[in-house]
C-alpha atoms as a PDB file:
ATOM      1  CA  MET A   1       6.860 -38.736   4.059  1.00  0.00           C
ATOM      2  CA  LEU A   2       4.088 -36.291   4.643  1.00  0.00           C
ATOM      3  CA  HIS A   3       4.085 -33.027   2.613  1.00  0.00           C
ATOM      4  CA  GLU A   4       2.506 -29.630   3.196  1.00  0.00           C
ATOM      5  CA  PHE A   5       1.044 -27.336   0.616  1.00  0.00           C
ATOM      6  CA  TYR A   6       1.728 -23.570   0.607  1.00  0.00           C
ATOM      7  CA  ALA A   7       0.919 -20.459  -1.360  1.00  0.00           C
ATOM      8  CA  ILE A   8       3.846 -18.077  -1.212  1.00  0.00           C
ATOM      9  CA  ARG A   9       4.063 -14.434  -2.312  1.00  0.00           C
ATOM     10  CA  ILE A  10       7.544 -12.792  -2.635  1.00  0.00           C
ATOM     11  CA  GLN A  11       8.192  -9.259  -3.630  1.00  0.00           C
ATOM     12  CA  ALA A  12      10.150  -9.084  -6.866  1.00  0.00           C
ATOM     13  CA  LEU A  13      13.477  -7.407  -5.576  1.00  0.00           C
ATOM     14  CA  ASP A  14      16.885  -7.352  -7.150  1.00  0.00           C
ATOM     15  CA  GLY A  15      18.458 -10.791  -7.356  1.00  0.00           C
ATOM     16  CA  TYR A  16      15.350 -12.686  -6.045  1.00  0.00           C
ATOM     17  CA  ASP A  17      14.695 -14.396  -9.374  1.00  0.00           C
ATOM     18  CA  LYS A  18      18.006 -16.048  -9.263  1.00  0.00           C
ATOM     19  CA  ILE A  19      17.656 -17.039  -5.608  1.00  0.00           C
ATOM     20  CA  MET A  20      14.207 -18.540  -6.262  1.00  0.00           C
ATOM     21  CA  ASN A  21      15.647 -20.692  -9.140  1.00  0.00           C
ATOM     22  CA  GLU A  22      18.126 -22.055  -6.654  1.00  0.00           C
ATOM     23  CA  VAL A  23      15.994 -22.449  -3.620  1.00  0.00           C
ATOM     24  CA  PHE A  24      12.783 -23.908  -5.030  1.00  0.00           C
ATOM     25  CA  THR A  25      14.359 -26.334  -7.574  1.00  0.00           C
ATOM     26  CA  THR A  26      15.636 -28.764  -4.863  1.00  0.00           C
ATOM     27  CA  GLU A  27      14.175 -32.182  -4.099  1.00  0.00           C
ATOM     28  CA  ARG A  28      12.452 -30.579  -1.049  1.00  0.00           C
ATOM     29  CA  PHE A  29       9.997 -28.964  -3.493  1.00  0.00           C
ATOM     30  CA  PRO A  30       8.676 -31.953  -5.578  1.00  0.00           C
ATOM     31  CA  ARG A  31       5.671 -29.927  -6.713  1.00  0.00           C
ATOM     32  CA  ARG A  32       5.990 -26.321  -7.561  1.00  0.00           C
ATOM     33  CA  ILE A  33       4.838 -23.466  -9.911  1.00  0.00           C
ATOM     34  CA  ARG A  34       5.621 -19.848 -10.009  1.00  0.00           C
ATOM     35  CA  VAL A  35       4.321 -16.637 -11.880  1.00  0.00           C
ATOM     36  CA  HIS A  36       5.406 -13.091 -11.998  1.00  0.00           C
ATOM     37  CA  HIS A  37       2.648 -10.407 -11.503  1.00  0.00           C
ATOM     38  CA  THR A  38       2.884  -6.668 -11.430  1.00  0.00           C
ATOM     39  CA  GLY A  39      -0.543  -5.780  -9.808  1.00  0.00           C
ATOM     40  CA  LYS A  40      -3.389  -3.716 -11.263  1.00  0.00           C
ATOM     41  CA  LYS A  41      -1.474  -0.604 -11.786  1.00  0.00           C
ATOM     42  CA  GLY A  42       1.683  -2.322 -13.035  1.00  0.00           C
ATOM     43  CA  ASP A  43       3.760  -0.896 -10.100  1.00  0.00           C
ATOM     44  CA  ASN A  44       3.787  -3.725  -7.722  1.00  0.00           C
ATOM     45  CA  PRO A  45       6.077  -6.581  -9.172  1.00  0.00           C
ATOM     46  CA  HIS A  46       5.881  -9.735  -7.168  1.00  0.00           C
ATOM     47  CA  TYR A  47       5.958 -13.492  -7.495  1.00  0.00           C
ATOM     48  CA  HIS A  48       3.395 -16.136  -6.565  1.00  0.00           C
ATOM     49  CA  LEU A  49       4.454 -19.670  -5.964  1.00  0.00           C
ATOM     50  CA  LEU A  50       2.385 -22.777  -5.115  1.00  0.00           C
ATOM     51  CA  ILE A  51       4.562 -25.526  -3.596  1.00  0.00           C
ATOM     52  CA  CYS A  52       4.542 -28.968  -1.934  1.00  0.00           C
ATOM     53  CA  THR A  53       7.293 -29.530   0.513  1.00  0.00           C
ATOM     54  CA  ASP A  54       8.303 -31.522   3.665  1.00  0.00           C
ATOM     55  CA  TYR A  55       8.869 -28.304   5.484  1.00  0.00           C
ATOM     56  CA  LYS A  56       6.520 -27.327   8.287  1.00  0.00           C
ATOM     57  CA  ASN A  57       5.212 -23.714   8.202  1.00  0.00           C
ATOM     58  CA  GLN A  58       7.528 -22.120  10.697  1.00  0.00           C
ATOM     59  CA  ALA A  59      10.583 -24.061   9.449  1.00  0.00           C
ATOM     60  CA  LEU A  60       9.816 -22.973   5.782  1.00  0.00           C
ATOM     61  CA  ARG A  61       9.319 -19.377   6.953  1.00  0.00           C
ATOM     62  CA  ALA A  62      12.769 -19.517   8.870  1.00  0.00           C
ATOM     63  CA  GLU A  63      14.448 -20.990   5.810  1.00  0.00           C
ATOM     64  CA  LEU A  64      13.168 -18.522   3.294  1.00  0.00           C
ATOM     65  CA  LYS A  65      14.159 -15.548   5.516  1.00  0.00           C
ATOM     66  CA  LYS A  66      17.716 -16.739   5.182  1.00  0.00           C
ATOM     67  CA  TYR A  67      17.614 -15.914   1.401  1.00  0.00           C
ATOM     68  CA  PHE A  68      15.111 -13.158   0.955  1.00  0.00           C
ATOM     69  CA  LYS A  69      16.479 -10.434   3.204  1.00  0.00           C
ATOM     70  CA  LEU A  70      16.136  -7.203   1.281  1.00  0.00           C
ATOM     71  CA  SER A  71      12.857  -6.159   3.069  1.00  0.00           C
ATOM     72  CA  LYS A  72      10.332  -7.241   5.738  1.00  0.00           C
ATOM     73  CA  GLY A  73       6.664  -7.646   6.320  1.00  0.00           C
ATOM     74  CA  ASN A  74       3.860  -9.569   4.609  1.00  0.00           C
ATOM     75  CA  LYS A  75       4.199  -7.395   1.420  1.00  0.00           C
ATOM     76  CA  HIS A  76       7.731  -8.676   1.133  1.00  0.00           C
ATOM     77  CA  LEU A  77       7.224 -12.379   1.959  1.00  0.00           C
ATOM     78  CA  SER A  78       3.856 -14.060   2.669  1.00  0.00           C
ATOM     79  CA  ILE A  79       3.429 -17.830   3.380  1.00  0.00           C
ATOM     80  CA  LYS A  80      -0.130 -19.281   3.572  1.00  0.00           C
ATOM     81  CA  THR A  81      -1.308 -22.849   3.789  1.00  0.00           C
ATOM     82  CA  TRP A  82      -2.822 -24.101   0.482  1.00  0.00           C
ATOM     83  CA  ASP A  83      -5.457 -26.780   0.327  1.00  0.00           C
ATOM     84  CA  GLY A  84      -4.332 -27.966  -3.046  1.00  0.00           C
ATOM     85  CA  ASN A  85      -7.370 -26.536  -4.800  1.00  0.00           C
ATOM     86  CA  ILE A  86      -7.012 -25.996  -8.636  1.00  0.00           C
ATOM     87  CA  LYS A  87      -8.573 -22.444  -8.141  1.00  0.00           C
ATOM     88  CA  ALA A  88      -5.201 -21.251  -6.694  1.00  0.00           C
ATOM     89  CA  VAL A  89      -3.483 -22.350  -9.866  1.00  0.00           C
ATOM     90  CA  ALA A  90      -6.028 -20.728 -12.017  1.00  0.00           C
ATOM     91  CA  TYR A  91      -5.291 -17.432 -10.151  1.00  0.00           C
ATOM     92  CA  LEU A  92      -1.698 -17.560 -11.376  1.00  0.00           C
ATOM     93  CA  PHE A  93      -2.975 -16.877 -14.885  1.00  0.00           C
ATOM     94  CA  HIS A  94      -5.069 -13.801 -14.168  1.00  0.00           C
ATOM     95  CA  GLU A  95      -2.524 -11.296 -15.367  1.00  0.00           C
ATOM     96  CA  GLY A  96      -1.809 -13.158 -18.625  1.00  0.00           C
ATOM     97  CA  THR A  97       1.735 -14.059 -17.692  1.00  0.00           C
ATOM     98  CA  GLU A  98       2.939 -17.610 -18.182  1.00  0.00           C
ATOM     99  CA  PRO A  99       4.179 -19.548 -15.079  1.00  0.00           C
ATOM    100  CA  ASP A 100       7.712 -21.161 -14.740  1.00  0.00           C
ATOM    101  CA  LEU A 101       9.664 -23.331 -12.334  1.00  0.00           C
ATOM    102  CA  ILE A 102       6.896 -25.910 -13.043  1.00  0.00           C
ATOM    103  CA  LYS A 103       7.348 -29.408 -11.611  1.00  0.00           C
ATOM    104  CA  GLY A 104       4.704 -31.894 -10.426  1.00  0.00           C
ATOM    105  CA  PHE A 105       1.894 -30.268 -12.363  1.00  0.00           C
ATOM    106  CA  THR A 106       0.374 -32.141 -15.377  1.00  0.00           C
ATOM    107  CA  ASP A 107      -0.527 -30.537 -18.684  1.00  0.00           C
ATOM    108  CA  GLU A 108      -4.196 -31.432 -17.901  1.00  0.00           C
ATOM    109  CA  GLU A 109      -4.064 -29.541 -14.571  1.00  0.00           C
ATOM    110  CA  LEU A 110      -2.609 -26.378 -16.274  1.00  0.00           C
ATOM    111  CA  LYS A 111      -5.273 -26.706 -19.025  1.00  0.00           C
ATOM    112  CA  THR A 112      -8.033 -26.871 -16.285  1.00  0.00           C
ATOM    113  CA  ALA A 113      -6.559 -23.898 -14.509  1.00  0.00           C
ATOM    114  CA  ARG A 114      -6.423 -21.836 -17.687  1.00  0.00           C
ATOM    115  CA  GLU A 115     -10.039 -22.642 -18.320  1.00  0.00           C
ATOM    116  CA  ILE A 116     -11.140 -21.701 -14.896  1.00  0.00           C
ATOM    117  CA  ASN A 117      -9.276 -18.399 -15.097  1.00  0.00           C
ATOM    118  CA  ARG A 118     -10.984 -17.693 -18.476  1.00  0.00           C
ATOM    119  CA  GLN A 119     -14.420 -18.335 -17.004  1.00  0.00           C
ATOM    120  CA  VAL A 120     -13.722 -16.162 -13.926  1.00  0.00           C
ATOM    121  CA  LYS A 121     -12.634 -13.300 -16.219  1.00  0.00           C
ATOM    122  CA  GLU A 122     -15.697 -13.741 -18.335  1.00  0.00           C
ATOM    123  CA  THR A 123     -17.945 -13.543 -15.272  1.00  0.00           C
ATOM    124  CA  ILE A 124     -16.066 -10.449 -14.004  1.00  0.00           C
ATOM    125  CA  LYS A 125     -16.370  -8.642 -17.342  1.00  0.00           C
ATOM    126  CA  LYS A 126     -20.094  -9.651 -17.651  1.00  0.00           C
ATOM    127  CA  ASN A 127     -20.832  -8.349 -14.230  1.00  0.00           C
ATOM    128  CA  ALA A 128     -18.826  -5.132 -14.427  1.00  0.00           C
ATOM    129  CA  PRO A 129     -20.988  -2.046 -13.718  1.00  0.00           C
ATOM    130  CA  ALA A 130     -20.365  -0.532 -17.158  1.00  0.00           C
ATOM    131  CA  GLN A 131     -21.388  -3.796 -18.880  1.00  0.00           C
ATOM    132  CA  ILE A 132     -24.483  -4.138 -16.799  1.00  0.00           C
ATOM    133  CA  VAL A 133     -25.568  -0.568 -17.612  1.00  0.00           C
ATOM    134  CA  GLN A 134     -24.877  -1.214 -21.278  1.00  0.00           C
ATOM    135  CA  ASP A 135     -26.732  -4.458 -21.446  1.00  0.00           C
ATOM    136  CA  CYS A 136     -29.659  -3.047 -19.538  1.00  0.00           C
ATOM    137  CA  THR A 137     -29.819  -0.118 -21.823  1.00  0.00           C
ATOM    138  CA  ASP A 138     -29.865  -2.358 -24.936  1.00  0.00           C
ATOM    139  CA  TYR A 139     -32.449  -4.581 -23.398  1.00  0.00           C
ATOM    140  CA  PHE A 140     -35.007  -1.675 -22.921  1.00  0.00           C
ATOM    141  CA  ILE A 141     -34.079   0.110 -26.270  1.00  0.00           C
ATOM    142  CA  GLY A 142     -34.336  -3.099 -28.090  1.00  0.00           C
ATOM    143  CA  ASP A 143     -37.934  -3.734 -27.133  1.00  0.00           C
ATOM    144  CA  PRO A 144     -40.063  -0.562 -27.235  1.00  0.00           C
ATOM    145  CA  SER A 145     -43.040  -2.483 -25.574  1.00  0.00           C
ATOM    146  CA  LEU A 146     -40.899  -2.655 -22.329  1.00  0.00           C
ATOM    147  CA  ARG A 147     -41.546   0.108 -19.846  1.00  0.00           C
ATOM    148  CA  CYS A 148     -38.392   1.358 -18.510  1.00  0.00           C
ATOM    149  CA  THR A 149     -38.895   2.363 -14.805  1.00  0.00           C
ATOM    150  CA  ARG A 150     -37.020   2.174 -11.599  1.00  0.00           C
ATOM    151  CA  ARG A 151     -38.796  -1.142 -10.786  1.00  0.00           C
ATOM    152  CA  SER A 152     -38.203  -2.812 -14.206  1.00  0.00           C
ATOM    153  CA  ILE A 153     -34.464  -1.779 -14.042  1.00  0.00           C
ATOM    154  CA  PHE A 154     -34.138  -3.110 -10.444  1.00  0.00           C
ATOM    155  CA  GLU A 155     -35.772  -6.429 -11.512  1.00  0.00           C
ATOM    156  CA  TYR A 156     -33.542  -6.750 -14.612  1.00  0.00           C
ATOM    157  CA  ILE A 157     -30.324  -6.022 -12.612  1.00  0.00           C
ATOM    158  CA  PHE A 158     -31.119  -8.201  -9.623  1.00  0.00           C
ATOM    159  CA  LYS A 159     -32.252 -11.200 -11.763  1.00  0.00           C
ATOM    160  CA  ARG A 160     -29.058 -10.980 -13.828  1.00  0.00           C
ATOM    161  CA  LEU A 161     -26.697 -10.777 -10.859  1.00  0.00           C
ATOM    162  CA  ASP A 162     -28.503 -13.392  -8.821  1.00  0.00           C
ATOM    163  CA  GLU A 163     -28.376 -15.903 -11.653  1.00  0.00           C
ATOM    164  CA  ASN A 164     -24.746 -15.230 -12.146  1.00  0.00           C
ATOM    165  CA  GLY A 165     -24.039 -15.719  -8.468  1.00  0.00           C
ATOM    166  CA  ASP A 166     -22.510 -12.335  -8.106  1.00  0.00           C
ATOM    167  CA  TRP A 167     -22.811  -9.809  -5.265  1.00  0.00           C
ATOM    168  CA  LEU A 168     -25.913  -7.765  -5.407  1.00  0.00           C
ATOM    169  CA  PRO A 169     -25.753  -3.952  -5.374  1.00  0.00           C
ATOM    170  CA  ASN A 170     -26.665  -1.795  -2.399  1.00  0.00           C
ATOM    171  CA  LYS A 171     -29.147   1.064  -2.786  1.00  0.00           C
ATOM    172  CA  PHE A 172     -26.599   3.709  -3.445  1.00  0.00           C
ATOM    173  CA  GLN A 173     -24.940   1.583  -6.183  1.00  0.00           C
ATOM    174  CA  PHE A 174     -28.311   0.707  -7.778  1.00  0.00           C
ATOM    175  CA  ASP A 175     -29.406   4.437  -7.849  1.00  0.00           C
ATOM    176  CA  ARG A 176     -26.227   5.355  -9.796  1.00  0.00           C
ATOM    177  CA  TRP A 177     -26.913   2.583 -12.337  1.00  0.00           C
ATOM    178  CA  TYR A 178     -30.655   3.548 -12.499  1.00  0.00           C
ATOM    179  CA  VAL A 179     -29.976   7.164 -13.353  1.00  0.00           C
ATOM    180  CA  ARG A 180     -27.487   6.260 -16.061  1.00  0.00           C
ATOM    181  CA  ILE A 181     -29.754   3.762 -17.600  1.00  0.00           C
ATOM    182  CA  MET A 182     -32.808   6.056 -17.681  1.00  0.00           C
ATOM    183  CA  CYS A 183     -30.773   8.797 -19.312  1.00  0.00           C
ATOM    184  CA  ASN A 184     -29.552   6.283 -21.866  1.00  0.00           C
ATOM    185  CA  VAL A 185     -33.005   4.873 -22.800  1.00  0.00           C
ATOM    186  CA  LEU A 186     -35.242   7.970 -22.529  1.00  0.00           C
ATOM    187  CA  ASP A 187     -35.229  10.673 -25.286  1.00  0.00           C
ATOM    188  CA  GLY A 188     -37.153  13.812 -26.204  1.00  0.00           C
ATOM    189  CA  ASP A 189     -40.029  15.000 -23.912  1.00  0.00           C
ATOM    190  CA  ARG A 190     -39.947  11.696 -21.866  1.00  0.00           C
ATOM    191  CA  LYS A 191     -36.352  12.353 -20.958  1.00  0.00           C
ATOM    192  CA  LYS A 192     -37.032  16.006 -20.106  1.00  0.00           C
ATOM    193  CA  GLN A 193     -40.049  15.106 -17.877  1.00  0.00           C
ATOM    194  CA  TRP A 194     -38.002  12.416 -16.156  1.00  0.00           C
ATOM    195  CA  ILE A 195     -35.124  14.745 -15.447  1.00  0.00           C
ATOM    196  CA  GLU A 196     -37.464  17.398 -13.960  1.00  0.00           C
ATOM    197  CA  SER A 197     -39.106  14.703 -11.747  1.00  0.00           C
ATOM    198  CA  MET A 198     -35.700  13.678 -10.599  1.00  0.00           C
ATOM    199  CA  TYR A 199     -34.854  17.251  -9.683  1.00  0.00           C
ATOM    200  CA  ASP A 200     -38.037  17.579  -7.773  1.00  0.00           C
ATOM    201  CA  ASP A 201     -37.321  14.269  -5.904  1.00  0.00           C
ATOM    202  CA  TRP A 202     -33.805  15.379  -4.940  1.00  0.00           C
ATOM    203  CA  TYR A 203     -34.126  19.148  -4.243  1.00  0.00           C
ATOM    204  CA  SER A 204     -37.792  20.034  -3.569  1.00  0.00           C
ATOM    205  CA  TYR A 205     -38.379  20.053   0.140  1.00  0.00           C
END
């Protein structure tokens, strides 16, 4: 029998936990995993499920709507085709909550998913704007022989983000980082002169 793979998102409404424990634990879902998330601000409780089933997309949608009826729309119930990629399993761990309703996933698969999630979080943290500003500041302060200029900061940031495979900043984003880094690195008369030159650049017409 051919099986389909889906990624499902269900809003965490009253009674839905019990319903999911009944609906998704039948033989029609031989491979399944679920996790509870609350969103970035903690005010959007919902469940993510990855499943393997013999239901076709429309049949699955119709079946789930029989049980999850307290709301409507994609925020309430979303069903997307899943290609079986382990990265989707890794995503389940990104809020730090442990999955349940697990069947058909090996300990090795879950270990791999956790490691992928850890690496993604490390990359995100490493490439966060505040972290880049701090690291760039430390780079120039740590070696007085380096000349801290718009170009040298530009080259540092672009090299770092390019090597990490992350998105590169646009001019507006870079200018914000550049101003903060220069203020961090310069001191005394050098900082005073630089601030005066920035004022002239911005407001002298």
